[in-house]
Protein backbone atom coordinates (compact mmCIF):
# COMPACT_ATOMS: atom_id res chain seq x y z
CA LYS A 1 109.12 102.86 86.97
CA ASP A 2 110.01 106.11 86.44
CA GLN A 3 114.36 105.44 85.54
CA ILE A 4 112.38 102.35 83.09
CA LYS A 5 110.38 104.99 81.17
CA LEU A 6 113.37 107.45 80.69
CA MET A 7 115.24 104.30 79.40
CA ASN A 8 112.51 103.24 77.33
CA ASP A 9 111.86 107.20 75.84
CA ALA A 10 115.56 106.66 74.73
CA GLY A 11 115.43 103.93 72.58
CA ILE A 12 116.85 101.19 75.86
CA HIS A 13 115.18 97.94 75.12
CA THR A 14 114.53 97.18 79.47
CA VAL A 15 114.34 93.44 80.89
CA SER A 16 113.35 92.34 83.82
CA TYR A 17 115.57 89.76 85.44
CA ILE A 18 113.19 86.75 86.85
CA LEU A 19 114.35 84.33 89.82
CA GLY A 20 112.26 81.36 88.65
CA HIS A 21 111.64 79.92 92.01
CA ALA A 22 109.19 81.07 94.82
CA VAL A 23 111.84 82.93 97.30
CA GLY A 24 111.44 85.19 100.51
CA ASN A 25 108.52 86.21 102.72
CA ALA A 26 106.22 85.79 99.52
CA GLY A 27 107.28 82.90 98.23
CA TYR A 28 106.71 81.16 101.74
CA GLN A 29 103.14 82.45 102.42
CA LEU A 30 102.00 81.58 98.76
CA LEU A 31 103.71 78.43 99.09
CA HIS A 32 101.77 77.53 102.62
CA LYS A 33 98.30 78.95 100.52
CA HIS A 34 99.10 76.89 97.18
CA PRO A 35 101.36 73.71 98.08
CA ASP A 36 99.73 71.95 95.52
CA TRP A 37 101.49 74.45 92.84
CA PHE A 38 105.08 73.27 93.86
CA VAL A 39 106.96 70.54 93.58
CA TYR A 40 108.91 68.42 95.81
CA ASP A 41 111.70 66.04 96.63
CA LYS A 42 111.32 62.27 97.40
CA ARG A 43 111.49 62.97 100.93
CA GLY A 44 108.12 65.24 100.31
CA GLU A 45 110.91 68.61 101.25
CA ILE A 46 110.96 71.61 99.16
CA GLY A 47 114.45 72.81 97.37
CA SER A 48 115.62 74.37 100.73
CA TYR A 49 114.35 76.09 103.56
CA ASP A 50 115.63 78.11 106.78
CA MET A 51 112.75 78.31 109.08
CA SER A 52 114.67 80.52 111.68
CA THR A 53 115.63 83.06 108.95
CA GLN A 54 112.08 82.84 107.76
CA ASN A 55 110.94 83.73 111.40
CA HIS A 56 113.26 86.46 111.66
CA LEU A 57 112.02 87.94 108.49
CA GLN A 58 108.17 87.65 109.55
CA ARG A 59 109.44 89.62 112.54
CA ARG A 60 111.56 91.80 110.86
CA ARG A 61 109.05 95.01 111.95
CA GLU A 62 109.41 94.35 115.24
CA PHE A 63 112.92 94.84 115.43
CA GLY A 64 115.23 97.60 115.38
CA PHE A 65 118.59 96.60 114.11
CA LYS A 66 119.64 95.77 110.01
CA GLN A 67 118.10 92.21 108.70
CA HIS A 68 119.99 90.02 107.42
CA LYS A 69 120.08 88.84 103.87
CA ARG A 70 120.31 84.91 103.53
CA ARG A 71 117.22 83.26 101.92
CA SER A 72 114.77 81.84 104.05
CA MET A 73 113.67 79.04 101.19
CA LEU A 74 113.62 78.29 97.48
CA ALA A 75 110.90 76.64 96.43
CA THR A 76 110.21 75.49 92.73
CA PHE A 77 106.57 75.50 91.02
CA ASP A 78 104.97 72.84 89.36
CA ALA A 79 105.51 73.84 85.59
CA THR A 80 102.87 71.42 84.03
CA HIS A 81 99.84 73.31 87.47
CA PRO A 82 97.68 75.26 85.23
CA LYS A 83 96.94 77.78 88.06
CA ALA A 84 100.60 77.61 88.78
CA ARG A 85 101.57 78.48 84.97
CA ARG A 86 98.19 81.57 85.01
CA TRP A 87 99.86 82.96 88.28
CA ILE A 88 103.68 83.38 87.00
CA ALA A 89 101.83 84.80 83.90
CA ASP A 90 100.12 87.25 85.66
CA GLN A 91 103.48 88.07 87.80
CA ILE A 92 105.15 88.73 83.73
CA ILE A 93 102.68 90.93 82.32
CA THR A 94 101.95 93.36 85.50
CA LEU A 95 106.43 93.45 84.94
CA GLY A 96 105.30 95.08 81.90
CA LYS A 97 102.22 96.84 82.15
CA GLU A 98 103.21 98.09 85.43
CA MET A 99 106.61 99.12 85.21
CA GLY A 100 107.11 99.14 81.59
CA PHE A 101 109.51 96.37 81.22
CA ARG A 102 109.72 95.00 77.58
CA GLY A 103 111.30 91.77 78.30
CA ALA A 104 112.54 89.30 80.83
CA ARG A 105 115.36 87.52 81.09
CA TRP A 106 114.68 83.80 82.79
CA ASP A 107 117.64 82.48 85.38
CA VAL A 108 118.21 79.52 88.37
CA TRP A 109 114.49 78.10 87.16
CA PHE A 110 112.14 78.26 84.02
CA MET A 111 109.01 75.74 83.75
CA TRP A 112 111.37 72.73 83.98
CA THR A 113 110.09 69.67 84.51
CA SER A 114 112.21 66.72 85.43
CA PRO A 115 111.90 63.26 86.78
CA ASP A 116 113.19 64.32 89.93
CA TYR A 117 110.13 66.58 90.91
CA TYR A 118 107.27 64.85 92.56
CA ARG A 119 103.81 66.86 93.09
CA ILE A 120 102.12 66.87 96.31
CA ASP A 121 100.38 63.70 96.13
CA GLY A 122 103.37 62.19 95.84
CA THR A 123 103.79 61.27 92.14
CA ARG A 124 106.34 61.65 89.61
CA GLN A 125 106.04 64.76 87.56
CA VAL A 126 107.18 63.22 84.31
CA ALA A 127 108.26 59.71 83.44
CA ASP A 128 111.84 60.83 82.61
CA HIS A 129 114.37 63.27 81.26
CA LYS A 130 112.78 62.75 77.36
CA VAL A 131 109.55 63.83 78.63
CA ALA A 132 111.02 66.49 81.00
CA ASP A 133 112.22 67.61 77.74
CA LYS A 134 109.18 67.82 76.02
CA THR A 135 107.34 69.31 78.86
CA THR A 136 109.39 72.11 79.72
CA ALA A 137 109.68 72.98 76.30
CA GLU A 138 105.95 72.74 76.56
CA SER A 139 105.84 75.05 79.79
CA ILE A 140 107.84 77.85 78.58
CA ARG A 141 105.73 78.02 74.96
CA ALA A 142 102.29 78.48 77.18
CA ILE A 143 103.78 80.89 79.91
CA LYS A 144 104.88 82.76 76.69
CA SER A 145 101.49 82.70 74.68
CA MET A 146 99.64 83.91 78.20
CA VAL A 147 102.14 86.72 78.17
CA ASN A 148 102.01 87.57 74.93
CA ARG A 149 98.78 87.69 74.18
CA LYS A 150 98.70 90.98 76.69
CA LEU A 151 102.15 92.35 75.32
CA PRO A 152 102.64 91.27 71.89
CA ASP A 153 106.70 92.77 71.72
CA PHE A 154 107.46 91.30 74.97
CA THR A 155 110.76 89.58 74.44
CA TRP A 156 112.40 86.69 76.05
CA GLY A 157 115.90 85.70 77.50
CA TYR A 158 117.83 82.74 78.78
CA ASN A 159 120.67 81.99 81.19
CA PHE A 160 121.61 77.78 80.59
CA ALA A 161 121.88 78.50 76.97
CA SER A 162 125.34 76.85 76.40
CA PRO A 163 125.41 73.93 73.32
CA GLU A 164 127.18 71.68 76.71
CA GLU A 165 123.93 72.40 79.06
CA ASN A 166 121.32 71.62 75.84
CA LYS A 167 122.47 68.31 74.49
CA GLU A 168 119.98 66.30 76.11
CA LYS A 169 117.20 69.18 75.31
CA PRO A 170 116.77 69.78 71.86
CA LEU A 171 113.40 70.24 72.61
CA THR A 172 113.60 73.18 75.47
CA LEU A 173 116.53 74.58 73.41
CA ALA A 174 114.24 74.99 70.64
CA GLU A 175 111.54 76.81 72.47
CA MET A 176 113.88 79.03 74.17
CA CYS A 177 115.01 80.40 70.34
CA ARG A 178 110.79 80.64 69.41
CA GLY A 179 110.18 83.90 68.62
CA ARG A 180 114.06 85.27 68.69
CA GLY A 181 114.64 84.91 71.82
CA TRP A 182 118.18 86.03 73.26
CA LEU A 183 120.27 83.20 75.02
CA LEU A 184 123.18 83.63 77.70
CA ASP A 185 125.55 81.30 77.11
CA GLU A 186 127.38 81.26 80.86
CA LEU A 187 129.88 78.03 79.59
CA SER A 188 131.58 80.18 77.39
CA ILE A 189 133.78 81.73 80.57
CA VAL A 190 135.56 78.21 80.07
CA TYR A 191 136.23 77.58 76.39
CA TRP A 192 140.10 78.53 76.72
CA GLN A 193 140.41 75.46 79.57
CA LYS A 194 142.11 72.54 77.19
CA THR A 195 139.82 70.18 78.74
CA SER A 196 137.03 72.22 76.58
CA PRO A 197 135.69 70.86 73.33
CA PHE A 198 136.11 73.91 72.12
CA HIS A 199 139.64 75.13 72.95
CA THR A 200 141.24 76.04 69.61
């Protein structure tokens, strides 16, 4: 917190990294408390989990040896769930108010919806990819709106911003750009390859 203040005072725009999934022990507890805030696959499974690692993590204070750092679980929020949205927005607001961050960069998952996601009652989250694009854009906009009411100057960044990755998601890309969003094109590293349409 003190380091962030020093950087802010020096004129550096400090941003937090956000791994959008629920992970680790806190994510595990949240999943147990609010299973309806998350999406599942067709079989009713969450993204990934390792109960042996989770048990090890929960009992970490009983042991005197160094803990391994394998991820015990990774669960995806239901971006359309109003209470999940509110909780996510509140975490980001805390980053700004308590820690002093002036922005955040989303990675791995950021309010995406998908026809491959199912709610806890077995219903499909969205009908198809076209609807997913519209719903994802609306979900990102909802989070930004809630956060920016409390932190008007908070900025937004995103991974997965290459043209190739967003051909089928024009509304999502437009929302990512709205409000001077800053985008990371991670595929530019392969543009030199002859198979890339951007190779010259």
